[in-house]
């Protein structure tokens, strides 16, 4: 076997072994990656294991970030949640929105969340 064909096979093997890793990195911000934790956050079902509680915490942190940055949005991007809105309150709206739009689960969680919360709490 020639040296160039060995190199080609080695390059293909490395590329194929890295493709799942690249896909996982791309999906990290998707709704698919956070929705299970958000279900646990809104107690549907109740988180009972340490892993489930950690998943709920990841969702709570993501939603808290959306709430924080969302308050700064302008124009048609803005949403106006009630003053003492908790991440779990916002997560309920986000989960309902994602259930109504299951085809969008591969999209970025934060951008979908802005849309869900704009729908739930439009600014007047």
PDB file of N, CA and C in Angstrom:
ATOM      1  N   UNK A   1       0.858  -1.173   0.000  1.00  0.00           N
ATOM      2  CA  UNK A   1       0.000   0.000   0.000  1.00  0.00           C
ATOM      3  C   UNK A   1       0.904   1.235   0.000  1.00  0.00           C
ATOM      4  N   UNK A   2       0.590   2.164  -0.819  1.00  0.00           N
ATOM      5  CA  UNK A   2       1.412   3.364  -0.939  1.00  0.00           C
ATOM      6  C   UNK A   2       1.221   4.263   0.278  1.00  0.00           C
ATOM      7  N   UNK A   3       2.234   5.063   0.554  1.00  0.00           N
ATOM      8  CA  UNK A   3       2.229   5.937   1.732  1.00  0.00           C
ATOM      9  C   UNK A   3       1.093   6.953   1.679  1.00  0.00           C
ATOM     10  N   UNK A   4       0.763   7.474   0.479  1.00  0.00           N
ATOM     11  CA  UNK A   4      -0.311   8.462   0.379  1.00  0.00           C
ATOM     12  C   UNK A   4      -1.660   7.845   0.694  1.00  0.00           C
ATOM     13  N   UNK A   5      -1.872   6.564   0.349  1.00  0.00           N
ATOM     14  CA  UNK A   5      -3.155   5.933   0.654  1.00  0.00           C
ATOM     15  C   UNK A   5      -3.279   5.643   2.142  1.00  0.00           C
ATOM     16  N   UNK A   6      -2.177   5.329   2.800  1.00  0.00           N
ATOM     17  CA  UNK A   6      -2.196   5.130   4.253  1.00  0.00           C
ATOM     18  C   UNK A   6      -2.538   6.443   4.938  1.00  0.00           C
ATOM     19  N   UNK A   7      -1.955   7.517   4.465  1.00  0.00           N
ATOM     20  CA  UNK A   7      -2.235   8.841   5.038  1.00  0.00           C
ATOM     21  C   UNK A   7      -3.696   9.231   4.817  1.00  0.00           C
ATOM     22  N   UNK A   8      -4.202   8.930   3.624  1.00  0.00           N
ATOM     23  CA  UNK A   8      -5.601   9.234   3.329  1.00  0.00           C
ATOM     24  C   UNK A   8      -6.533   8.448   4.258  1.00  0.00           C
ATOM     25  N   UNK A   9      -6.255   7.162   4.434  1.00  0.00           N
ATOM     26  CA  UNK A   9      -7.077   6.345   5.332  1.00  0.00           C
ATOM     27  C   UNK A   9      -6.992   6.854   6.771  1.00  0.00           C
ATOM     28  N   UNK A  10      -5.802   7.239   7.192  1.00  0.00           N
ATOM     29  CA  UNK A  10      -5.629   7.783   8.538  1.00  0.00           C
ATOM     30  C   UNK A  10      -6.392   9.092   8.699  1.00  0.00           C
ATOM     31  N   UNK A  11      -6.328   9.958   7.706  1.00  0.00           N
ATOM     32  CA  UNK A  11      -7.058  11.239   7.758  1.00  0.00           C
ATOM     33  C   UNK A  11      -8.556  11.000   7.798  1.00  0.00           C
ATOM     34  N   UNK A  12      -9.049  10.056   7.008  1.00  0.00           N
ATOM     35  CA  UNK A  12     -10.480   9.729   7.035  1.00  0.00           C
ATOM     36  C   UNK A  12     -10.899   9.178   8.386  1.00  0.00           C
ATOM     37  N   UNK A  13     -10.099   8.316   8.962  1.00  0.00           N
ATOM     38  CA  UNK A  13     -10.420   7.734  10.268  1.00  0.00           C
ATOM     39  C   UNK A  13     -10.478   8.815  11.343  1.00  0.00           C
ATOM     40  N   UNK A  14      -9.521   9.714  11.309  1.00  0.00           N
ATOM     41  CA  UNK A  14      -9.515  10.812  12.290  1.00  0.00           C
ATOM     42  C   UNK A  14     -10.725  11.708  12.082  1.00  0.00           C
ATOM     43  N   UNK A  15     -11.013  12.039  10.826  1.00  0.00           N
ATOM     44  CA  UNK A  15     -12.168  12.892  10.534  1.00  0.00           C
ATOM     45  C   UNK A  15     -13.467  12.270  10.992  1.00  0.00           C
ATOM     46  N   UNK A  16     -13.630  10.975  10.736  1.00  0.00           N
ATOM     47  CA  UNK A  16     -14.863  10.301  11.167  1.00  0.00           C
ATOM     48  C   UNK A  16     -14.961  10.207  12.676  1.00  0.00           C
ATOM     49  N   UNK A  17     -13.839  10.025  13.347  1.00  0.00           N
ATOM     50  CA  UNK A  17     -13.893   9.924  14.805  1.00  0.00           C
ATOM     51  C   UNK A  17     -14.183  11.271  15.452  1.00  0.00           C
ATOM     52  N   UNK A  18     -13.819  12.363  14.786  1.00  0.00           N
ATOM     53  CA  UNK A  18     -14.063  13.692  15.345  1.00  0.00           C
ATOM     54  C   UNK A  18     -15.442  14.239  15.006  1.00  0.00           C
ATOM     55  N   UNK A  19     -16.114  13.709  13.990  1.00  0.00           N
ATOM     56  CA  UNK A  19     -17.398  14.278  13.580  1.00  0.00           C
ATOM     57  C   UNK A  19     -18.463  14.201  14.662  1.00  0.00           C
ATOM     58  N   UNK A  20     -18.592  13.112  15.460  1.00  0.00           N
ATOM     59  CA  UNK A  20     -19.571  13.145  16.555  1.00  0.00           C
ATOM     60  C   UNK A  20     -19.241  14.217  17.588  1.00  0.00           C
ATOM     61  N   UNK A  21     -17.943  14.411  17.846  1.00  0.00           N
ATOM     62  CA  UNK A  21     -17.530  15.442  18.792  1.00  0.00           C
ATOM     63  C   UNK A  21     -17.911  16.822  18.277  1.00  0.00           C
ATOM     64  N   UNK A  22     -17.676  17.078  17.007  1.00  0.00           N
ATOM     65  CA  UNK A  22     -18.035  18.374  16.423  1.00  0.00           C
ATOM     66  C   UNK A  22     -19.537  18.581  16.482  1.00  0.00           C
ATOM     67  N   UNK A  23     -20.313  17.547  16.179  1.00  0.00           N
ATOM     68  CA  UNK A  23     -21.773  17.667  16.235  1.00  0.00           C
ATOM     69  C   UNK A  23     -22.230  17.953  17.658  1.00  0.00           C
ATOM     70  N   UNK A  24     -21.651  17.269  18.633  1.00  0.00           N
ATOM     71  CA  UNK A  24     -22.034  17.495  20.030  1.00  0.00           C
ATOM     72  C   UNK A  24     -21.724  18.931  20.435  1.00  0.00           C
ATOM     73  N   UNK A  25     -20.595  19.458  19.973  1.00  0.00           N
ATOM     74  CA  UNK A  25     -20.252  20.832  20.318  1.00  0.00           C
ATOM     75  C   UNK A  25     -21.232  21.799  19.675  1.00  0.00           C
ATOM     76  N   UNK A  26     -21.677  21.524  18.473  1.00  0.00           N
ATOM     77  CA  UNK A  26     -22.635  22.398  17.809  1.00  0.00           C
ATOM     78  C   UNK A  26     -23.977  22.384  18.530  1.00  0.00           C
ATOM     79  N   UNK A  27     -24.364  21.271  19.070  1.00  0.00           N
ATOM     80  CA  UNK A  27     -25.674  21.112  19.687  1.00  0.00           C
ATOM     81  C   UNK A  27     -25.741  21.647  21.117  1.00  0.00           C
ATOM     82  N   UNK A  28     -24.611  22.033  21.684  1.00  0.00           N
ATOM     83  CA  UNK A  28     -24.571  22.422  23.090  1.00  0.00           C
ATOM     84  C   UNK A  28     -25.563  23.522  23.454  1.00  0.00           C
ATOM     85  N   UNK A  29     -25.847  24.420  22.532  1.00  0.00           N
ATOM     86  CA  UNK A  29     -26.750  25.530  22.827  1.00  0.00           C
ATOM     87  C   UNK A  29     -28.168  25.288  22.314  1.00  0.00           C
ATOM     88  N   UNK A  30     -28.421  24.111  21.773  1.00  0.00           N
ATOM     89  CA  UNK A  30     -29.738  23.846  21.191  1.00  0.00           C
ATOM     90  C   UNK A  30     -30.787  23.587  22.266  1.00  0.00           C
ATOM     91  N   UNK A  31     -32.015  23.764  21.880  1.00  0.00           N
ATOM     92  CA  UNK A  31     -33.127  23.469  22.781  1.00  0.00           C
ATOM     93  C   UNK A  31     -33.120  21.995  23.174  1.00  0.00           C
ATOM     94  N   UNK A  32     -32.703  21.124  22.252  1.00  0.00           N
ATOM     95  CA  UNK A  32     -32.622  19.692  22.565  1.00  0.00           C
ATOM     96  C   UNK A  32     -31.742  19.416  23.772  1.00  0.00           C
ATOM     97  N   UNK A  33     -30.675  20.176  23.913  1.00  0.00           N
ATOM     98  CA  UNK A  33     -29.731  19.939  25.009  1.00  0.00           C
ATOM     99  C   UNK A  33     -30.271  20.402  26.358  1.00  0.00           C
ATOM    100  N   UNK A  34     -31.193  21.339  26.371  1.00  0.00           N
ATOM    101  CA  UNK A  34     -31.659  21.916  27.634  1.00  0.00           C
ATOM    102  C   UNK A  34     -33.090  21.551  28.010  1.00  0.00           C
ATOM    103  N   UNK A  35     -33.871  21.044  27.067  1.00  0.00           N
ATOM    104  CA  UNK A  35     -35.297  20.863  27.317  1.00  0.00           C
ATOM    105  C   UNK A  35     -35.580  19.880  28.449  1.00  0.00           C
ATOM    106  N   UNK A  36     -34.805  18.809  28.557  1.00  0.00           N
ATOM    107  CA  UNK A  36     -35.055  17.841  29.627  1.00  0.00           C
ATOM    108  C   UNK A  36     -34.871  18.496  30.986  1.00  0.00           C
ATOM    109  N   UNK A  37     -33.803  19.264  31.130  1.00  0.00           N
ATOM    110  CA  UNK A  37     -33.581  19.974  32.390  1.00  0.00           C
ATOM    111  C   UNK A  37     -34.678  20.981  32.673  1.00  0.00           C
ATOM    112  N   UNK A  38     -35.201  21.605  31.625  1.00  0.00           N
ATOM    113  CA  UNK A  38     -36.291  22.565  31.811  1.00  0.00           C
ATOM    114  C   UNK A  38     -37.564  21.862  32.262  1.00  0.00           C
ATOM    115  N   UNK A  39     -37.788  20.659  31.750  1.00  0.00           N
ATOM    116  CA  UNK A  39     -38.944  19.884  32.240  1.00  0.00           C
ATOM    117  C   UNK A  39     -38.785  19.614  33.735  1.00  0.00           C
ATOM    118  N   UNK A  40     -37.587  19.244  34.155  1.00  0.00           N
ATOM    119  CA  UNK A  40     -37.355  19.011  35.587  1.00  0.00           C
ATOM    120  C   UNK A  40     -37.519  20.301  36.386  1.00  0.00           C
ATOM    121  N   UNK A  41     -37.101  21.414  35.819  1.00  0.00           N
ATOM    122  CA  UNK A  41     -37.220  22.699  36.513  1.00  0.00           C
ATOM    123  C   UNK A  41     -38.675  23.066  36.768  1.00  0.00           C
ATOM    124  N   UNK A  42     -39.543  22.754  35.827  1.00  0.00           N
ATOM    125  CA  UNK A  42     -40.962  23.098  35.998  1.00  0.00           C
ATOM    126  C   UNK A  42     -41.750  21.922  36.589  1.00  0.00           C
ATOM    127  N   UNK A  43     -41.003  20.948  37.146  1.00  0.00           N
ATOM    128  CA  UNK A  43     -41.590  19.794  37.845  1.00  0.00           C
ATOM    129  C   UNK A  43     -42.471  18.929  36.958  1.00  0.00           C
ATOM    130  N   UNK A  44     -41.986  18.664  35.768  1.00  0.00           N
ATOM    131  CA  UNK A  44     -42.735  17.811  34.851  1.00  0.00           C
ATOM    132  C   UNK A  44     -41.769  16.886  34.124  1.00  0.00           C
ATOM    133  N   UNK A  45     -41.252  15.858  34.729  1.00  0.00           N
ATOM    134  CA  UNK A  45     -41.494  15.261  36.044  1.00  0.00           C
ATOM    135  C   UNK A  45     -40.603  15.877  37.118  1.00  0.00           C
ATOM    136  N   UNK A  46     -40.818  15.481  38.343  1.00  0.00           N
ATOM    137  CA  UNK A  46     -40.040  15.994  39.463  1.00  0.00           C
ATOM    138  C   UNK A  46     -38.620  15.421  39.391  1.00  0.00           C
ATOM    139  N   UNK A  47     -37.636  16.287  39.533  1.00  0.00           N
ATOM    140  CA  UNK A  47     -36.237  15.848  39.548  1.00  0.00           C
ATOM    141  C   UNK A  47     -35.946  15.174  40.873  1.00  0.00           C
ATOM    142  N   UNK A  48     -35.474  13.946  40.817  1.00  0.00           N
ATOM    143  CA  UNK A  48     -35.189  13.222  42.054  1.00  0.00           C
ATOM    144  C   UNK A  48     -33.730  12.798  42.174  1.00  0.00           C
ATOM    145  N   UNK A  49     -33.065  12.577  41.073  1.00  0.00           N
ATOM    146  CA  UNK A  49     -31.659  12.182  41.142  1.00  0.00           C
ATOM    147  C   UNK A  49     -30.773  13.422  41.087  1.00  0.00           C
ATOM    148  N   UNK A  50     -29.530  13.239  41.479  1.00  0.00           N
ATOM    149  CA  UNK A  50     -28.565  14.339  41.429  1.00  0.00           C
ATOM    150  C   UNK A  50     -28.395  14.838  39.998  1.00  0.00           C
ATOM    151  N   UNK A  51     -28.324  13.927  39.034  1.00  0.00           N
ATOM    152  CA  UNK A  51     -28.168  14.317  37.636  1.00  0.00           C
ATOM    153  C   UNK A  51     -29.376  15.124  37.151  1.00  0.00           C
ATOM    154  N   UNK A  52     -30.579  14.714  37.526  1.00  0.00           N
ATOM    155  CA  UNK A  52     -31.781  15.449  37.123  1.00  0.00           C
ATOM    156  C   UNK A  52     -31.798  16.843  37.727  1.00  0.00           C
ATOM    157  N   UNK A  53     -31.376  16.943  38.988  1.00  0.00           N
ATOM    158  CA  UNK A  53     -31.324  18.255  39.637  1.00  0.00           C
ATOM    159  C   UNK A  53     -30.285  19.148  38.969  1.00  0.00           C
ATOM    160  N   UNK A  54     -29.161  18.561  38.563  1.00  0.00           N
ATOM    161  CA  UNK A  54     -28.139  19.340  37.868  1.00  0.00           C
ATOM    162  C   UNK A  54     -28.647  19.807  36.512  1.00  0.00           C
ATOM    163  N   UNK A  55     -29.394  18.957  35.813  1.00  0.00           N
ATOM    164  CA  UNK A  55     -29.969  19.341  34.528  1.00  0.00           C
ATOM    165  C   UNK A  55     -30.964  20.487  34.715  1.00  0.00           C
ATOM    166  N   UNK A  56     -31.765  20.422  35.769  1.00  0.00           N
ATOM    167  CA  UNK A  56     -32.709  21.500  36.063  1.00  0.00           C
ATOM    168  C   UNK A  56     -31.958  22.791  36.371  1.00  0.00           C
ATOM    169  N   UNK A  57     -30.837  22.674  37.062  1.00  0.00           N
ATOM    170  CA  UNK A  57     -30.029  23.845  37.405  1.00  0.00           C
ATOM    171  C   UNK A  57     -29.415  24.480  36.149  1.00  0.00           C
ATOM    172  N   UNK A  58     -28.982  23.655  35.208  1.00  0.00           N
ATOM    173  CA  UNK A  58     -28.435  24.178  33.948  1.00  0.00           C
ATOM    174  C   UNK A  58     -29.516  24.962  33.212  1.00  0.00           C
ATOM    175  N   UNK A  59     -30.733  24.425  33.170  1.00  0.00           N
ATOM    176  CA  UNK A  59     -31.836  25.135  32.533  1.00  0.00           C
ATOM    177  C   UNK A  59     -32.119  26.447  33.268  1.00  0.00           C
ATOM    178  N   UNK A  60     -32.170  26.394  34.603  1.00  0.00           N
ATOM    179  CA  UNK A  60     -32.452  27.600  35.389  1.00  0.00           C
ATOM    180  C   UNK A  60     -31.422  28.681  35.099  1.00  0.00           C
ATOM    181  N   UNK A  61     -30.161  28.304  34.988  1.00  0.00           N
ATOM    182  CA  UNK A  61     -29.108  29.283  34.694  1.00  0.00           C
ATOM    183  C   UNK A  61     -29.264  29.854  33.287  1.00  0.00           C
ATOM    184  N   UNK A  62     -29.606  29.004  32.326  1.00  0.00           N
ATOM    185  CA  UNK A  62     -29.808  29.477  30.953  1.00  0.00           C
ATOM    186  C   UNK A  62     -30.989  30.440  30.885  1.00  0.00           C
ATOM    187  N   UNK A  63     -32.068  30.097  31.582  1.00  0.00           N
ATOM    188  CA  UNK A  63     -33.257  30.954  31.573  1.00  0.00           C
ATOM    189  C   UNK A  63     -32.984  32.260  32.322  1.00  0.00           C
ATOM    190  N   UNK A  64     -32.239  32.191  33.416  1.00  0.00           N
ATOM    191  CA  UNK A  64     -31.882  33.412  34.148  1.00  0.00           C
ATOM    192  C   UNK A  64     -31.071  34.347  33.248  1.00  0.00           C
ATOM    193  N   UNK A  65     -30.197  33.777  32.436  1.00  0.00           N
ATOM    194  CA  UNK A  65     -29.414  34.578  31.502  1.00  0.00           C
ATOM    195  C   UNK A  65     -30.319  35.221  30.454  1.00  0.00           C
ATOM    196  N   UNK A  66     -31.261  34.455  29.935  1.00  0.00           N
ATOM    197  CA  UNK A  66     -32.209  34.994  28.955  1.00  0.00           C
ATOM    198  C   UNK A  66     -33.008  36.132  29.579  1.00  0.00           C
ATOM    199  N   UNK A  67     -33.463  35.940  30.811  1.00  0.00           N
ATOM    200  CA  UNK A  67     -34.215  37.001  31.498  1.00  0.00           C
ATOM    201  C   UNK A  67     -33.348  38.243  31.680  1.00  0.00           C
ATOM    202  N   UNK A  68     -32.119  38.050  32.097  1.00  0.00           N
ATOM    203  CA  UNK A  68     -31.221  39.184  32.328  1.00  0.00           C
ATOM    204  C   UNK A  68     -30.970  39.971  31.043  1.00  0.00           C
ATOM    205  N   UNK A  69     -30.555  39.272  30.002  1.00  0.00           N
ATOM    206  CA  UNK A  69     -30.237  39.956  28.749  1.00  0.00           C
ATOM    207  C   UNK A  69     -31.491  40.389  28.009  1.00  0.00           C
ATOM    208  N   UNK A  70     -32.573  39.670  28.186  1.00  0.00           N
ATOM    209  CA  UNK A  70     -33.818  40.011  27.518  1.00  0.00           C
ATOM    210  C   UNK A  70     -34.393  41.335  27.954  1.00  0.00           C
ATOM    211  N   UNK A  71     -34.101  41.733  29.176  1.00  0.00           N
ATOM    212  CA  UNK A  71     -34.596  43.015  29.678  1.00  0.00           C
ATOM    213  C   UNK A  71     -33.956  44.186  28.929  1.00  0.00           C
ATOM    214  N   UNK A  72     -32.831  43.926  28.268  1.00  0.00           N
ATOM    215  CA  UNK A  72     -32.112  44.967  27.542  1.00  0.00           C
ATOM    216  C   UNK A  72     -32.481  45.033  26.061  1.00  0.00           C
ATOM    217  N   UNK A  73     -33.268  44.091  25.587  1.00  0.00           N
ATOM    218  CA  UNK A  73     -33.614  44.061  24.162  1.00  0.00           C
ATOM    219  C   UNK A  73     -34.519  45.225  23.802  1.00  0.00           C
ATOM    220  N   UNK A  74     -34.436  45.636  22.551  1.00  0.00           N
ATOM    221  CA  UNK A  74     -35.209  46.771  22.072  1.00  0.00           C
ATOM    222  C   UNK A  74     -36.142  46.342  20.942  1.00  0.00           C
ATOM    223  N   UNK A  75     -37.136  47.150  20.663  1.00  0.00           N
ATOM    224  CA  UNK A  75     -38.019  46.962  19.522  1.00  0.00           C
ATOM    225  C   UNK A  75     -38.792  45.659  19.561  1.00  0.00           C
ATOM    226  N   UNK A  76     -38.869  44.996  18.406  1.00  0.00           N
ATOM    227  CA  UNK A  76     -39.671  43.771  18.337  1.00  0.00           C
ATOM    228  C   UNK A  76     -39.001  42.585  19.013  1.00  0.00           C
ATOM    229  N   UNK A  77     -37.792  42.757  19.524  1.00  0.00           N
ATOM    230  CA  UNK A  77     -37.106  41.703  20.265  1.00  0.00           C
ATOM    231  C   UNK A  77     -37.432  41.755  21.761  1.00  0.00           C
ATOM    232  N   UNK A  78     -37.952  42.873  22.220  1.00  0.00           N
ATOM    233  CA  UNK A  78     -38.158  43.094  23.655  1.00  0.00           C
ATOM    234  C   UNK A  78     -39.303  42.247  24.211  1.00  0.00           C
ATOM    235  N   UNK A  79     -39.163  41.864  25.452  1.00  0.00           N
ATOM    236  CA  UNK A  79     -40.262  41.273  26.208  1.00  0.00           C
ATOM    237  C   UNK A  79     -40.225  41.867  27.601  1.00  0.00           C
ATOM    238  N   UNK A  80     -41.378  41.881  28.262  1.00  0.00           N
ATOM    239  CA  UNK A  80     -41.505  42.570  29.548  1.00  0.00           C
ATOM    240  C   UNK A  80     -42.108  41.635  30.596  1.00  0.00           C
ATOM    241  N   UNK A  81     -41.272  40.832  31.255  1.00  0.00           N
ATOM    242  CA  UNK A  81     -41.797  39.930  32.282  1.00  0.00           C
ATOM    243  C   UNK A  81     -42.197  40.700  33.530  1.00  0.00           C
ATOM    244  N   UNK A  82     -43.075  40.123  34.333  1.00  0.00           N
ATOM    245  CA  UNK A  82     -43.398  40.755  35.622  1.00  0.00           C
ATOM    246  C   UNK A  82     -42.130  40.940  36.455  1.00  0.00           C
ATOM    247  N   UNK A  83     -42.170  41.901  37.339  1.00  0.00           N
ATOM    248  CA  UNK A  83     -40.990  42.309  38.111  1.00  0.00           C
ATOM    249  C   UNK A  83     -40.252  41.147  38.792  1.00  0.00           C
ATOM    250  N   UNK A  84     -40.929  40.297  39.511  1.00  0.00           N
ATOM    251  CA  UNK A  84     -40.278  39.248  40.294  1.00  0.00           C
ATOM    252  C   UNK A  84     -40.318  37.884  39.617  1.00  0.00           C
ATOM    253  N   UNK A  85     -40.184  37.872  38.310  1.00  0.00           N
ATOM    254  CA  UNK A  85     -40.235  36.620  37.567  1.00  0.00           C
ATOM    255  C   UNK A  85     -39.040  35.736  37.913  1.00  0.00           C
ATOM    256  N   UNK A  86     -39.329  34.510  38.278  1.00  0.00           N
ATOM    257  CA  UNK A  86     -38.299  33.510  38.578  1.00  0.00           C
ATOM    258  C   UNK A  86     -37.985  32.728  37.301  1.00  0.00           C
ATOM    259  N   UNK A  87     -36.780  32.171  37.205  1.00  0.00           N
ATOM    260  CA  UNK A  87     -36.460  31.338  36.044  1.00  0.00           C
ATOM    261  C   UNK A  87     -37.463  30.205  35.822  1.00  0.00           C
ATOM    262  N   UNK A  88     -37.980  29.630  36.891  1.00  0.00           N
ATOM    263  CA  UNK A  88     -38.949  28.535  36.719  1.00  0.00           C
ATOM    264  C   UNK A  88     -40.246  29.043  36.089  1.00  0.00           C
ATOM    265  N   UNK A  89     -40.643  30.286  36.391  1.00  0.00           N
ATOM    266  CA  UNK A  89     -41.838  30.872  35.768  1.00  0.00           C
ATOM    267  C   UNK A  89     -41.617  31.038  34.263  1.00  0.00           C
ATOM    268  N   UNK A  90     -40.462  31.575  33.903  1.00  0.00           N
ATOM    269  CA  UNK A  90     -40.140  31.765  32.491  1.00  0.00           C
ATOM    270  C   UNK A  90     -39.981  30.413  31.794  1.00  0.00           C
ATOM    271  N   UNK A  91     -39.383  29.437  32.486  1.00  0.00           N
ATOM    272  CA  UNK A  91     -39.180  28.111  31.890  1.00  0.00           C
ATOM    273  C   UNK A  91     -40.513  27.460  31.530  1.00  0.00           C
ATOM    274  N   UNK A  92     -41.555  27.697  32.308  1.00  0.00           N
ATOM    275  CA  UNK A  92     -42.877  27.146  31.981  1.00  0.00           C
ATOM    276  C   UNK A  92     -43.345  27.638  30.600  1.00  0.00           C
ATOM    277  N   UNK A  93     -43.148  28.916  30.349  1.00  0.00           N
ATOM    278  CA  UNK A  93     -43.531  29.481  29.051  1.00  0.00           C
ATOM    279  C   UNK A  93     -42.648  28.930  27.932  1.00  0.00           C
ATOM    280  N   UNK A  94     -41.375  28.783  28.217  1.00  0.00           N
ATOM    281  CA  UNK A  94     -40.440  28.272  27.212  1.00  0.00           C
ATOM    282  C   UNK A  94     -40.770  26.820  26.868  1.00  0.00           C
ATOM    283  N   UNK A  95     -41.022  26.000  27.882  1.00  0.00           N
ATOM    284  CA  UNK A  95     -41.374  24.594  27.649  1.00  0.00           C
ATOM    285  C   UNK A  95     -42.662  24.499  26.830  1.00  0.00           C
ATOM    286  N   UNK A  96     -43.659  25.297  27.176  1.00  0.00           N
ATOM    287  CA  UNK A  96     -44.925  25.286  26.421  1.00  0.00           C
ATOM    288  C   UNK A  96     -44.689  25.696  24.968  1.00  0.00           C
ATOM    289  N   UNK A  97     -43.856  26.712  24.767  1.00  0.00           N
ATOM    290  CA  UNK A  97     -43.541  27.175  23.417  1.00  0.00           C
ATOM    291  C   UNK A  97     -42.850  26.075  22.617  1.00  0.00           C
ATOM    292  N   UNK A  98     -41.890  25.399  23.241  1.00  0.00           N
ATOM    293  CA  UNK A  98     -41.164  24.344  22.541  1.00  0.00           C
ATOM    294  C   UNK A  98     -42.051  23.132  22.264  1.00  0.00           C
ATOM    295  N   UNK A  99     -42.996  22.851  23.151  1.00  0.00           N
ATOM    296  CA  UNK A  99     -43.948  21.765  22.882  1.00  0.00           C
ATOM    297  C   UNK A  99     -44.809  22.108  21.670  1.00  0.00           C
ATOM    298  N   UNK A 100     -45.134  23.382  21.519  1.00  0.00           N
ATOM    299  CA  UNK A 100     -45.952  23.826  20.386  1.00  0.00           C
ATOM    300  C   UNK A 100     -45.151  23.924  19.089  1.00  0.00           C
ATOM    301  N   UNK A 101     -43.819  23.958  19.188  1.00  0.00           N
ATOM    302  CA  UNK A 101     -42.948  24.094  18.015  1.00  0.00           C
ATOM    303  C   UNK A 101     -41.856  23.021  18.048  1.00  0.00           C
ATOM    304  N   UNK A 102     -42.205  21.744  18.037  1.00  0.00           N
ATOM    305  CA  UNK A 102     -41.199  20.683  18.180  1.00  0.00           C
ATOM    306  C   UNK A 102     -40.187  20.636  17.036  1.00  0.00           C
ATOM    307  N   UNK A 103     -40.531  21.141  15.899  1.00  0.00           N
ATOM    308  CA  UNK A 103     -39.611  21.141  14.772  1.00  0.00           C
ATOM    309  C   UNK A 103     -38.448  22.111  14.926  1.00  0.00           C
ATOM    310  N   UNK A 104     -38.480  22.919  15.966  1.00  0.00           N
ATOM    311  CA  UNK A 104     -37.437  23.929  16.165  1.00  0.00           C
ATOM    312  C   UNK A 104     -36.441  23.541  17.262  1.00  0.00           C
ATOM    313  N   UNK A 105     -36.500  22.296  17.730  1.00  0.00           N
ATOM    314  CA  UNK A 105     -35.675  21.872  18.861  1.00  0.00           C
ATOM    315  C   UNK A 105     -34.171  21.904  18.591  1.00  0.00           C
ATOM    316  N   UNK A 106     -33.755  21.925  17.335  1.00  0.00           N
ATOM    317  CA  UNK A 106     -32.328  21.984  17.026  1.00  0.00           C
ATOM    318  C   UNK A 106     -31.805  23.413  16.981  1.00  0.00           C
ATOM    319  N   UNK A 107     -32.696  24.377  17.131  1.00  0.00           N
ATOM    320  CA  UNK A 107     -32.284  25.784  17.113  1.00  0.00           C
ATOM    321  C   UNK A 107     -31.727  26.187  18.473  1.00  0.00           C
ATOM    322  N   UNK A 108     -31.098  27.338  18.496  1.00  0.00           N
ATOM    323  CA  UNK A 108     -30.500  27.828  19.745  1.00  0.00           C
ATOM    324  C   UNK A 108     -31.564  28.084  20.800  1.00  0.00           C
ATOM    325  N   UNK A 109     -31.311  27.572  21.988  1.00  0.00           N
ATOM    326  CA  UNK A 109     -32.237  27.694  23.103  1.00  0.00           C
ATOM    327  C   UNK A 109     -32.505  29.150  23.456  1.00  0.00           C
ATOM    328  N   UNK A 110     -31.457  29.964  23.505  1.00  0.00           N
ATOM    329  CA  UNK A 110     -31.645  31.349  23.926  1.00  0.00           C
ATOM    330  C   UNK A 110     -32.530  32.122  22.955  1.00  0.00           C
ATOM    331  N   UNK A 111     -32.305  31.935  21.652  1.00  0.00           N
ATOM    332  CA  UNK A 111     -33.118  32.665  20.675  1.00  0.00           C
ATOM    333  C   UNK A 111     -34.570  32.205  20.697  1.00  0.00           C
ATOM    334  N   UNK A 112     -34.792  30.901  20.846  1.00  0.00           N
ATOM    335  CA  UNK A 112     -36.161  30.401  20.970  1.00  0.00           C
ATOM    336  C   UNK A 112     -36.816  30.927  22.244  1.00  0.00           C
ATOM    337  N   UNK A 113     -36.027  31.033  23.299  1.00  0.00           N
ATOM    338  CA  UNK A 113     -36.554  31.525  24.580  1.00  0.00           C
ATOM    339  C   UNK A 113     -37.002  32.975  24.473  1.00  0.00           C
ATOM    340  N   UNK A 114     -36.222  33.785  23.761  1.00  0.00           N
ATOM    341  CA  UNK A 114     -36.627  35.178  23.572  1.00  0.00           C
ATOM    342  C   UNK A 114     -37.990  35.235  22.889  1.00  0.00           C
ATOM    343  N   UNK A 115     -38.173  34.419  21.866  1.00  0.00           N
ATOM    344  CA  UNK A 115     -39.457  34.379  21.168  1.00  0.00           C
ATOM    345  C   UNK A 115     -40.588  33.910  22.065  1.00  0.00           C
ATOM    346  N   UNK A 116     -40.319  32.892  22.856  1.00  0.00           N
ATOM    347  CA  UNK A 116     -41.342  32.362  23.765  1.00  0.00           C
ATOM    348  C   UNK A 116     -41.743  33.408  24.800  1.00  0.00           C
ATOM    349  N   UNK A 117     -40.774  34.110  25.339  1.00  0.00           N
ATOM    350  CA  UNK A 117     -41.069  35.093  26.386  1.00  0.00           C
ATOM    351  C   UNK A 117     -41.668  36.368  25.804  1.00  0.00           C
ATOM    352  N   UNK A 118     -41.326  36.691  24.562  1.00  0.00           N
ATOM    353  CA  UNK A 118     -41.983  37.817  23.893  1.00  0.00           C
ATOM    354  C   UNK A 118     -43.464  37.497  23.702  1.00  0.00           C
ATOM    355  N   UNK A 119     -43.753  36.256  23.359  1.00  0.00           N
ATOM    356  CA  UNK A 119     -45.136  35.826  23.186  1.00  0.00           C
ATOM    357  C   UNK A 119     -45.886  35.842  24.527  1.00  0.00           C
ATOM    358  N   UNK A 120     -45.211  35.421  25.588  1.00  0.00           N
ATOM    359  CA  UNK A 120     -45.838  35.369  26.906  1.00  0.00           C
ATOM    360  C   UNK A 120     -45.993  36.755  27.532  1.00  0.00           C
ATOM    361  N   UNK A 121     -44.988  37.588  27.375  1.00  0.00           N
ATOM    362  CA  UNK A 121     -44.961  38.907  28.031  1.00  0.00           C
ATOM    363  C   UNK A 121     -44.588  40.018  27.053  1.00  0.00           C
ATOM    364  N   UNK A 122     -45.464  40.339  26.128  1.00  0.00           N
ATOM    365  CA  UNK A 122     -45.133  41.425  25.188  1.00  0.00           C
ATOM    366  C   UNK A 122     -45.071  42.763  25.929  1.00  0.00           C
ATOM    367  N   UNK A 123     -44.261  43.638  25.417  1.00  0.00           N
ATOM    368  CA  UNK A 123     -44.184  44.995  25.989  1.00  0.00           C
ATOM    369  C   UNK A 123     -45.259  45.848  25.323  1.00  0.00           C
ATOM    370  N   UNK A 124     -45.882  46.711  26.088  1.00  0.00           N
ATOM    371  CA  UNK A 124     -46.952  47.563  25.543  1.00  0.00           C
ATOM    372  C   UNK A 124     -46.506  48.999  25.494  1.00  0.00           C
TER     373      UNK A 124
END
